[in-house]
């Protein structure tokens, strides 16, 4: 089993845990008896969720409110984990955000912030916690990518590029850590009804896309945890999403780019 056994000192560190996929994965791991460290900026939500999980499942649940875009926020997070006497044996890199619009018409500061959170923070946390995992000979990393990782998408170019980074990093480090008892799993969900679309400025995209396109957030969380448990390198929840991922990976860019551009326009 790729997931380490729960212990009193062990914790699953989950970023972006105040809602959506992060919250759902936190619930799934707590149900399995894992202690959780819940990380996001919204402290009130984290405290409420931590209290609920501790009460329902008898696990240790610690809320830590930090902004992971800033390097000092990442320092504060890991210092807090150490002060709590916890070992990160499961890392769930879920924090991130998206955006809509052509790069030449977008705010450069917002795009840079996206890269810092989606890529830089994810990379730093993985690089800082996996040495101890490898030393102990056990651990799991779950990096939340997206089906956007499988092809460039005009209209949300930076977001798709950040998720391509997450996918490539996860696959390569999965190979690097092979044989050391540490798994790295990239989870690539398609559209999921969470607060993500609103935060990304996508308006009523939830109403515009047909129902069969959407994957339930609980389904994504279950597939993510089960994939990590199996030591899977890449998990794409949903049959339609798996088909789309294959199409994006293997079709000529001259075909994919116009289709992706048109699909993105229709979704807005």
C-alpha atoms as a PDB file:
ATOM      1  CA  UNK A   1       0.000   0.000   0.000  1.00  0.00           C
ATOM      2  CA  UNK A   2       1.457   3.367  -1.054  1.00  0.00           C
ATOM      3  CA  UNK A   3      -0.259   5.362   1.707  1.00  0.00           C
ATOM      4  CA  UNK A   4       1.579   5.069   5.033  1.00  0.00           C
ATOM      5  CA  UNK A   5      -0.301   3.765   8.050  1.00  0.00           C
ATOM      6  CA  UNK A   6      -1.758   6.495  10.298  1.00  0.00           C
ATOM      7  CA  UNK A   7       0.285   7.226  13.450  1.00  0.00           C
ATOM      8  CA  UNK A   8      -0.102   9.851  16.208  1.00  0.00           C
ATOM      9  CA  UNK A   9       2.771  11.957  14.818  1.00  0.00           C
ATOM     10  CA  UNK A  10       1.823  11.610  11.163  1.00  0.00           C
ATOM     11  CA  UNK A  11      -0.263  14.194   9.352  1.00  0.00           C
ATOM     12  CA  UNK A  12      -1.673  14.719   5.890  1.00  0.00           C
ATOM     13  CA  UNK A  13      -0.807  18.294   4.931  1.00  0.00           C
ATOM     14  CA  UNK A  14      -3.523  19.589   2.594  1.00  0.00           C
ATOM     15  CA  UNK A  15      -3.287  22.983   0.924  1.00  0.00           C
ATOM     16  CA  UNK A  16      -6.354  24.762  -0.391  1.00  0.00           C
ATOM     17  CA  UNK A  17      -8.313  22.803   2.199  1.00  0.00           C
ATOM     18  CA  UNK A  18     -11.054  25.299   3.023  1.00  0.00           C
ATOM     19  CA  UNK A  19     -13.325  24.246   0.141  1.00  0.00           C
ATOM     20  CA  UNK A  20     -13.661  22.180  -3.010  1.00  0.00           C
ATOM     21  CA  UNK A  21     -11.286  19.350  -3.815  1.00  0.00           C
ATOM     22  CA  UNK A  22      -8.969  20.097  -0.885  1.00  0.00           C
ATOM     23  CA  UNK A  23     -11.806  19.935   1.620  1.00  0.00           C
ATOM     24  CA  UNK A  24     -13.142  16.733   0.044  1.00  0.00           C
ATOM     25  CA  UNK A  25      -9.724  15.040   0.178  1.00  0.00           C
ATOM     26  CA  UNK A  26      -9.373  16.132   3.796  1.00  0.00           C
ATOM     27  CA  UNK A  27     -12.675  14.473   4.593  1.00  0.00           C
ATOM     28  CA  UNK A  28     -11.712  11.307   2.729  1.00  0.00           C
ATOM     29  CA  UNK A  29      -8.392  10.969   4.552  1.00  0.00           C
ATOM     30  CA  UNK A  30      -9.938  11.729   7.946  1.00  0.00           C
ATOM     31  CA  UNK A  31     -12.533   9.012   7.320  1.00  0.00           C
ATOM     32  CA  UNK A  32      -9.621   6.604   6.859  1.00  0.00           C
ATOM     33  CA  UNK A  33      -8.135   7.616  10.200  1.00  0.00           C
ATOM     34  CA  UNK A  34      -5.453  10.053   9.031  1.00  0.00           C
ATOM     35  CA  UNK A  35      -4.661  13.163  10.993  1.00  0.00           C
ATOM     36  CA  UNK A  36      -4.857  16.264   8.822  1.00  0.00           C
ATOM     37  CA  UNK A  37      -3.251  19.688   8.720  1.00  0.00           C
ATOM     38  CA  UNK A  38      -5.633  21.960   6.841  1.00  0.00           C
ATOM     39  CA  UNK A  39      -4.065  24.918   5.057  1.00  0.00           C
ATOM     40  CA  UNK A  40      -5.673  27.926   3.365  1.00  0.00           C
ATOM     41  CA  UNK A  41      -6.109  31.648   3.907  1.00  0.00           C
ATOM     42  CA  UNK A  42      -9.631  31.534   5.380  1.00  0.00           C
ATOM     43  CA  UNK A  43      -9.044  30.708   9.026  1.00  0.00           C
ATOM     44  CA  UNK A  44     -12.714  30.598  10.020  1.00  0.00           C
ATOM     45  CA  UNK A  45     -13.478  27.865   7.498  1.00  0.00           C
ATOM     46  CA  UNK A  46     -10.380  25.888   8.444  1.00  0.00           C
ATOM     47  CA  UNK A  47     -11.226  25.968  12.139  1.00  0.00           C
ATOM     48  CA  UNK A  48     -14.793  24.833  11.505  1.00  0.00           C
ATOM     49  CA  UNK A  49     -13.682  21.983   9.255  1.00  0.00           C
ATOM     50  CA  UNK A  50     -10.919  20.895  11.642  1.00  0.00           C
ATOM     51  CA  UNK A  51     -13.379  20.778  14.552  1.00  0.00           C
ATOM     52  CA  UNK A  52     -15.862  18.780  12.472  1.00  0.00           C
ATOM     53  CA  UNK A  53     -13.314  16.199  11.315  1.00  0.00           C
ATOM     54  CA  UNK A  54     -11.841  15.781  14.789  1.00  0.00           C
ATOM     55  CA  UNK A  55     -15.291  15.291  16.291  1.00  0.00           C
ATOM     56  CA  UNK A  56     -16.601  12.899  13.616  1.00  0.00           C
ATOM     57  CA  UNK A  57     -13.516  10.756  13.079  1.00  0.00           C
ATOM     58  CA  UNK A  58     -11.445  11.142  16.242  1.00  0.00           C
ATOM     59  CA  UNK A  59      -8.397  12.347  14.311  1.00  0.00           C
ATOM     60  CA  UNK A  60      -6.029  15.192  15.030  1.00  0.00           C
ATOM     61  CA  UNK A  61      -7.007  18.079  12.757  1.00  0.00           C
ATOM     62  CA  UNK A  62      -4.926  21.250  12.786  1.00  0.00           C
ATOM     63  CA  UNK A  63      -5.926  24.458  10.940  1.00  0.00           C
ATOM     64  CA  UNK A  64      -3.102  26.675   9.644  1.00  0.00           C
ATOM     65  CA  UNK A  65      -4.044  29.934   7.923  1.00  0.00           C
ATOM     66  CA  UNK A  66      -1.265  31.222   5.629  1.00  0.00           C
ATOM     67  CA  UNK A  67      -0.832  32.725   2.171  1.00  0.00           C
ATOM     68  CA  UNK A  68       1.302  30.274   0.202  1.00  0.00           C
ATOM     69  CA  UNK A  69       2.026  32.741  -2.592  1.00  0.00           C
ATOM     70  CA  UNK A  70       4.579  34.411  -0.325  1.00  0.00           C
ATOM     71  CA  UNK A  71       7.750  32.437   0.506  1.00  0.00           C
ATOM     72  CA  UNK A  72       7.423  33.508   4.139  1.00  0.00           C
ATOM     73  CA  UNK A  73       3.976  31.902   4.207  1.00  0.00           C
ATOM     74  CA  UNK A  74       5.506  28.564   3.258  1.00  0.00           C
ATOM     75  CA  UNK A  75       8.162  29.004   5.940  1.00  0.00           C
ATOM     76  CA  UNK A  76       5.471  29.782   8.519  1.00  0.00           C
ATOM     77  CA  UNK A  77       3.507  26.689   7.519  1.00  0.00           C
ATOM     78  CA  UNK A  78       6.381  24.244   7.874  1.00  0.00           C
ATOM     79  CA  UNK A  79       7.585  25.893  11.081  1.00  0.00           C
ATOM     80  CA  UNK A  80       4.080  25.492  12.499  1.00  0.00           C
ATOM     81  CA  UNK A  81       3.984  21.808  11.540  1.00  0.00           C
ATOM     82  CA  UNK A  82       7.325  21.274  13.293  1.00  0.00           C
ATOM     83  CA  UNK A  83       6.129  23.170  16.375  1.00  0.00           C
ATOM     84  CA  UNK A  84       3.064  20.912  16.527  1.00  0.00           C
ATOM     85  CA  UNK A  85       5.372  17.880  16.644  1.00  0.00           C
ATOM     86  CA  UNK A  86       4.001  16.465  13.388  1.00  0.00           C
ATOM     87  CA  UNK A  87       5.605  14.571  10.515  1.00  0.00           C
ATOM     88  CA  UNK A  88       4.188  15.185   7.039  1.00  0.00           C
ATOM     89  CA  UNK A  89       3.657  11.689   5.668  1.00  0.00           C
ATOM     90  CA  UNK A  90       1.031  12.683   3.095  1.00  0.00           C
ATOM     91  CA  UNK A  91       1.242  15.952   1.148  1.00  0.00           C
ATOM     92  CA  UNK A  92      -1.737  17.127  -0.883  1.00  0.00           C
ATOM     93  CA  UNK A  93      -0.782  20.099  -3.058  1.00  0.00           C
ATOM     94  CA  UNK A  94      -4.194  21.431  -3.995  1.00  0.00           C
ATOM     95  CA  UNK A  95      -3.938  25.215  -3.545  1.00  0.00           C
ATOM     96  CA  UNK A  96      -4.197  27.085  -6.814  1.00  0.00           C
ATOM     97  CA  UNK A  97      -6.368  29.325  -8.952  1.00  0.00           C
ATOM     98  CA  UNK A  98      -7.135  29.944 -12.586  1.00  0.00           C
ATOM     99  CA  UNK A  99      -8.108  32.821 -14.801  1.00  0.00           C
ATOM    100  CA  UNK A 100      -9.643  33.764 -18.114  1.00  0.00           C
ATOM    101  CA  UNK A 101      -8.343  36.001 -20.872  1.00  0.00           C
ATOM    102  CA  UNK A 102      -5.548  36.270 -23.390  1.00  0.00           C
ATOM    103  CA  UNK A 103      -2.117  36.845 -21.899  1.00  0.00           C
ATOM    104  CA  UNK A 104      -1.603  40.143 -23.732  1.00  0.00           C
ATOM    105  CA  UNK A 105      -4.857  41.448 -22.246  1.00  0.00           C
ATOM    106  CA  UNK A 106      -4.332  40.152 -18.718  1.00  0.00           C
ATOM    107  CA  UNK A 107      -2.860  41.685 -15.596  1.00  0.00           C
ATOM    108  CA  UNK A 108       0.774  40.586 -15.422  1.00  0.00           C
ATOM    109  CA  UNK A 109       0.811  40.642 -11.607  1.00  0.00           C
ATOM    110  CA  UNK A 110      -2.167  38.272 -11.450  1.00  0.00           C
ATOM    111  CA  UNK A 111      -0.553  35.856 -13.914  1.00  0.00           C
ATOM    112  CA  UNK A 112       2.681  35.903 -11.926  1.00  0.00           C
ATOM    113  CA  UNK A 113       0.776  35.265  -8.703  1.00  0.00           C
ATOM    114  CA  UNK A 114      -0.878  32.268 -10.376  1.00  0.00           C
ATOM    115  CA  UNK A 115       2.492  30.795 -11.320  1.00  0.00           C
ATOM    116  CA  UNK A 116       3.831  31.374  -7.816  1.00  0.00           C
ATOM    117  CA  UNK A 117       0.947  29.533  -6.179  1.00  0.00           C
ATOM    118  CA  UNK A 118       0.213  26.839  -8.756  1.00  0.00           C
ATOM    119  CA  UNK A 119       3.871  25.985  -9.474  1.00  0.00           C
ATOM    120  CA  UNK A 120       6.387  27.579  -7.119  1.00  0.00           C
ATOM    121  CA  UNK A 121       4.574  26.878  -3.836  1.00  0.00           C
ATOM    122  CA  UNK A 122       3.723  23.323  -4.917  1.00  0.00           C
ATOM    123  CA  UNK A 123       7.320  22.622  -5.909  1.00  0.00           C
ATOM    124  CA  UNK A 124       8.788  24.105  -2.732  1.00  0.00           C
ATOM    125  CA  UNK A 125       6.499  22.170  -0.392  1.00  0.00           C
ATOM    126  CA  UNK A 126       7.190  18.909  -2.213  1.00  0.00           C
ATOM    127  CA  UNK A 127      10.940  19.562  -2.259  1.00  0.00           C
ATOM    128  CA  UNK A 128      10.975  20.371   1.462  1.00  0.00           C
ATOM    129  CA  UNK A 129       8.891  17.464   2.794  1.00  0.00           C
ATOM    130  CA  UNK A 130       9.908  14.565   0.559  1.00  0.00           C
ATOM    131  CA  UNK A 131      13.495  14.237   1.858  1.00  0.00           C
ATOM    132  CA  UNK A 132      12.137  13.185   5.266  1.00  0.00           C
ATOM    133  CA  UNK A 133       9.641  10.857   3.575  1.00  0.00           C
ATOM    134  CA  UNK A 134      12.450   9.185   1.644  1.00  0.00           C
ATOM    135  CA  UNK A 135      14.529   8.917   4.829  1.00  0.00           C
ATOM    136  CA  UNK A 136      11.634   7.221   6.667  1.00  0.00           C
ATOM    137  CA  UNK A 137      10.903   5.016   3.669  1.00  0.00           C
ATOM    138  CA  UNK A 138       7.235   5.948   3.484  1.00  0.00           C
ATOM    139  CA  UNK A 139       5.079   8.793   2.244  1.00  0.00           C
ATOM    140  CA  UNK A 140       2.750   9.976  -0.479  1.00  0.00           C
ATOM    141  CA  UNK A 141       2.379  13.157  -2.495  1.00  0.00           C
ATOM    142  CA  UNK A 142      -0.858  14.038  -4.267  1.00  0.00           C
ATOM    143  CA  UNK A 143      -0.485  16.958  -6.675  1.00  0.00           C
ATOM    144  CA  UNK A 144      -3.697  18.365  -8.104  1.00  0.00           C
ATOM    145  CA  UNK A 145      -3.179  19.150 -11.780  1.00  0.00           C
ATOM    146  CA  UNK A 146      -6.009  19.298 -14.342  1.00  0.00           C
ATOM    147  CA  UNK A 147      -7.069  17.933 -17.693  1.00  0.00           C
ATOM    148  CA  UNK A 148      -5.845  21.348 -18.881  1.00  0.00           C
ATOM    149  CA  UNK A 149      -2.342  19.921 -18.388  1.00  0.00           C
ATOM    150  CA  UNK A 150      -2.638  17.747 -21.498  1.00  0.00           C
ATOM    151  CA  UNK A 151      -2.787  20.538 -24.098  1.00  0.00           C
ATOM    152  CA  UNK A 152      -2.255  24.291 -24.369  1.00  0.00           C
ATOM    153  CA  UNK A 153      -5.510  26.260 -24.107  1.00  0.00           C
ATOM    154  CA  UNK A 154      -5.749  29.713 -25.723  1.00  0.00           C
ATOM    155  CA  UNK A 155      -7.810  31.946 -23.449  1.00  0.00           C
ATOM    156  CA  UNK A 156      -6.439  30.384 -20.272  1.00  0.00           C
ATOM    157  CA  UNK A 157      -2.867  29.847 -21.410  1.00  0.00           C
ATOM    158  CA  UNK A 158      -1.120  30.518 -18.110  1.00  0.00           C
ATOM    159  CA  UNK A 159      -3.388  28.260 -16.070  1.00  0.00           C
ATOM    160  CA  UNK A 160      -2.988  25.379 -18.526  1.00  0.00           C
ATOM    161  CA  UNK A 161       0.773  25.911 -18.530  1.00  0.00           C
ATOM    162  CA  UNK A 162       0.928  25.774 -14.724  1.00  0.00           C
ATOM    163  CA  UNK A 163      -0.950  22.486 -14.713  1.00  0.00           C
ATOM    164  CA  UNK A 164       1.335  21.066 -17.413  1.00  0.00           C
ATOM    165  CA  UNK A 165       4.198  21.917 -15.051  1.00  0.00           C
ATOM    166  CA  UNK A 166       2.476  20.070 -12.188  1.00  0.00           C
ATOM    167  CA  UNK A 167       1.892  16.997 -14.335  1.00  0.00           C
ATOM    168  CA  UNK A 168       5.462  16.882 -15.668  1.00  0.00           C
ATOM    169  CA  UNK A 169       6.972  17.453 -12.227  1.00  0.00           C
ATOM    170  CA  UNK A 170       4.809  14.753 -10.672  1.00  0.00           C
ATOM    171  CA  UNK A 171       5.602  12.139 -13.290  1.00  0.00           C
ATOM    172  CA  UNK A 172       9.339  12.795 -13.136  1.00  0.00           C
ATOM    173  CA  UNK A 173       9.561  12.819  -9.339  1.00  0.00           C
ATOM    174  CA  UNK A 174       7.429   9.680  -9.180  1.00  0.00           C
ATOM    175  CA  UNK A 175      10.244   7.985 -11.080  1.00  0.00           C
ATOM    176  CA  UNK A 176      12.944   9.626  -8.947  1.00  0.00           C
ATOM    177  CA  UNK A 177      11.362   8.336  -5.728  1.00  0.00           C
ATOM    178  CA  UNK A 178      10.608   4.849  -7.038  1.00  0.00           C
ATOM    179  CA  UNK A 179      11.893   2.206  -4.650  1.00  0.00           C
ATOM    180  CA  UNK A 180      12.062   4.593  -1.698  1.00  0.00           C
ATOM    181  CA  UNK A 181       8.572   3.956  -0.365  1.00  0.00           C
ATOM    182  CA  UNK A 182       7.294   7.354  -1.510  1.00  0.00           C
ATOM    183  CA  UNK A 183       4.666   7.773  -4.223  1.00  0.00           C
ATOM    184  CA  UNK A 184       3.826  10.869  -6.255  1.00  0.00           C
ATOM    185  CA  UNK A 185       0.403  10.999  -7.889  1.00  0.00           C
ATOM    186  CA  UNK A 186      -0.827  13.704 -10.267  1.00  0.00           C
ATOM    187  CA  UNK A 187      -4.615  14.039 -10.219  1.00  0.00           C
ATOM    188  CA  UNK A 188      -6.078  15.638 -13.336  1.00  0.00           C
ATOM    189  CA  UNK A 189      -9.770  16.455 -12.883  1.00  0.00           C
ATOM    190  CA  UNK A 190     -11.904  18.059 -15.544  1.00  0.00           C
ATOM    191  CA  UNK A 191     -14.669  20.535 -14.648  1.00  0.00           C
ATOM    192  CA  UNK A 192     -15.756  20.216 -11.006  1.00  0.00           C
ATOM    193  CA  UNK A 193     -18.509  22.309  -9.414  1.00  0.00           C
ATOM    194  CA  UNK A 194     -16.579  24.164  -6.716  1.00  0.00           C
ATOM    195  CA  UNK A 195     -15.797  27.811  -5.974  1.00  0.00           C
ATOM    196  CA  UNK A 196     -12.950  27.614  -8.516  1.00  0.00           C
ATOM    197  CA  UNK A 197     -14.909  29.073 -11.449  1.00  0.00           C
ATOM    198  CA  UNK A 198     -16.135  32.060  -9.464  1.00  0.00           C
ATOM    199  CA  UNK A 199     -12.649  32.770  -8.113  1.00  0.00           C
ATOM    200  CA  UNK A 200     -11.233  32.534 -11.646  1.00  0.00           C
ATOM    201  CA  UNK A 201     -13.731  35.090 -12.944  1.00  0.00           C
ATOM    202  CA  UNK A 202     -15.507  32.614 -15.210  1.00  0.00           C
ATOM    203  CA  UNK A 203     -18.991  33.845 -14.410  1.00  0.00           C
ATOM    204  CA  UNK A 204     -21.838  31.376 -14.958  1.00  0.00           C
ATOM    205  CA  UNK A 205     -19.707  28.679 -16.594  1.00  0.00           C
ATOM    206  CA  UNK A 206     -21.399  26.161 -14.268  1.00  0.00           C
ATOM    207  CA  UNK A 207     -24.695  26.762 -16.063  1.00  0.00           C
ATOM    208  CA  UNK A 208     -23.255  26.804 -19.580  1.00  0.00           C
ATOM    209  CA  UNK A 209     -21.567  23.407 -19.613  1.00  0.00           C
ATOM    210  CA  UNK A 210     -23.775  20.298 -19.952  1.00  0.00           C
ATOM    211  CA  UNK A 211     -24.263  18.100 -16.911  1.00  0.00           C
ATOM    212  CA  UNK A 212     -22.308  15.108 -18.239  1.00  0.00           C
ATOM    213  CA  UNK A 213     -19.151  17.249 -18.415  1.00  0.00           C
ATOM    214  CA  UNK A 214     -18.982  17.710 -14.637  1.00  0.00           C
ATOM    215  CA  UNK A 215     -17.335  15.378 -12.136  1.00  0.00           C
ATOM    216  CA  UNK A 216     -18.567  15.318  -8.555  1.00  0.00           C
ATOM    217  CA  UNK A 217     -16.007  16.676  -6.103  1.00  0.00           C
ATOM    218  CA  UNK A 218     -16.409  13.611  -3.894  1.00  0.00           C
ATOM    219  CA  UNK A 219     -15.637  11.386  -6.892  1.00  0.00           C
ATOM    220  CA  UNK A 220     -12.442  13.356  -7.547  1.00  0.00           C
ATOM    221  CA  UNK A 221     -11.368  13.081  -3.908  1.00  0.00           C
ATOM    222  CA  UNK A 222     -12.072   9.342  -3.802  1.00  0.00           C
ATOM    223  CA  UNK A 223     -10.139   8.711  -7.013  1.00  0.00           C
ATOM    224  CA  UNK A 224      -7.245  10.846  -5.740  1.00  0.00           C
ATOM    225  CA  UNK A 225      -6.905   8.963  -2.455  1.00  0.00           C
ATOM    226  CA  UNK A 226      -7.411   5.554  -4.033  1.00  0.00           C
ATOM    227  CA  UNK A 227      -4.876   6.424  -6.742  1.00  0.00           C
ATOM    228  CA  UNK A 228      -2.302   7.374  -4.125  1.00  0.00           C
ATOM    229  CA  UNK A 229      -3.110   4.203  -2.207  1.00  0.00           C
ATOM    230  CA  UNK A 230      -2.308   2.175  -5.339  1.00  0.00           C
ATOM    231  CA  UNK A 231       0.800   4.211  -6.094  1.00  0.00           C
ATOM    232  CA  UNK A 232      -0.649   5.453  -9.386  1.00  0.00           C
ATOM    233  CA  UNK A 233       1.462   8.015 -11.221  1.00  0.00           C
ATOM    234  CA  UNK A 234      -1.473   9.812 -12.915  1.00  0.00           C
ATOM    235  CA  UNK A 235      -5.192   9.745 -12.115  1.00  0.00           C
ATOM    236  CA  UNK A 236      -7.820  11.254 -14.444  1.00  0.00           C
ATOM    237  CA  UNK A 237     -11.267  10.979 -12.823  1.00  0.00           C
ATOM    238  CA  UNK A 238     -14.116  10.242 -15.224  1.00  0.00           C
ATOM    239  CA  UNK A 239     -14.306   8.371 -18.534  1.00  0.00           C
ATOM    240  CA  UNK A 240     -14.970  11.509 -20.594  1.00  0.00           C
ATOM    241  CA  UNK A 241     -11.987  13.246 -19.047  1.00  0.00           C
ATOM    242  CA  UNK A 242      -9.704  10.277 -19.753  1.00  0.00           C
ATOM    243  CA  UNK A 243     -10.784  10.324 -23.392  1.00  0.00           C
ATOM    244  CA  UNK A 244     -10.189  14.069 -23.601  1.00  0.00           C
ATOM    245  CA  UNK A 245      -6.763  13.702 -21.998  1.00  0.00           C
ATOM    246  CA  UNK A 246      -5.732  11.127 -24.596  1.00  0.00           C
ATOM    247  CA  UNK A 247      -6.992  13.368 -27.390  1.00  0.00           C
ATOM    248  CA  UNK A 248      -5.099  16.358 -26.015  1.00  0.00           C
ATOM    249  CA  UNK A 249      -1.882  14.394 -25.581  1.00  0.00           C
ATOM    250  CA  UNK A 250      -1.715  12.696 -28.938  1.00  0.00           C
ATOM    251  CA  UNK A 251      -3.475  14.950 -31.439  1.00  0.00           C
ATOM    252  CA  UNK A 252      -1.452  17.398 -33.596  1.00  0.00           C
ATOM    253  CA  UNK A 253      -1.278  20.892 -32.114  1.00  0.00           C
ATOM    254  CA  UNK A 254      -2.612  22.311 -35.401  1.00  0.00           C
ATOM    255  CA  UNK A 255      -5.833  20.426 -34.622  1.00  0.00           C
ATOM    256  CA  UNK A 256      -5.901  20.808 -30.833  1.00  0.00           C
ATOM    257  CA  UNK A 257      -5.279  24.564 -30.590  1.00  0.00           C
ATOM    258  CA  UNK A 258      -8.316  25.737 -32.615  1.00  0.00           C
ATOM    259  CA  UNK A 259     -10.583  23.194 -30.915  1.00  0.00           C
ATOM    260  CA  UNK A 260      -9.367  24.156 -27.443  1.00  0.00           C
ATOM    261  CA  UNK A 261      -9.776  27.838 -28.255  1.00  0.00           C
ATOM    262  CA  UNK A 262     -13.335  27.366 -29.497  1.00  0.00           C
ATOM    263  CA  UNK A 263     -14.322  25.149 -26.555  1.00  0.00           C
ATOM    264  CA  UNK A 264     -12.983  27.703 -24.082  1.00  0.00           C
ATOM    265  CA  UNK A 265     -14.882  30.536 -25.763  1.00  0.00           C
ATOM    266  CA  UNK A 266     -18.140  28.585 -25.635  1.00  0.00           C
ATOM    267  CA  UNK A 267     -17.664  27.817 -21.944  1.00  0.00           C
ATOM    268  CA  UNK A 268     -17.404  31.502 -21.024  1.00  0.00           C
END
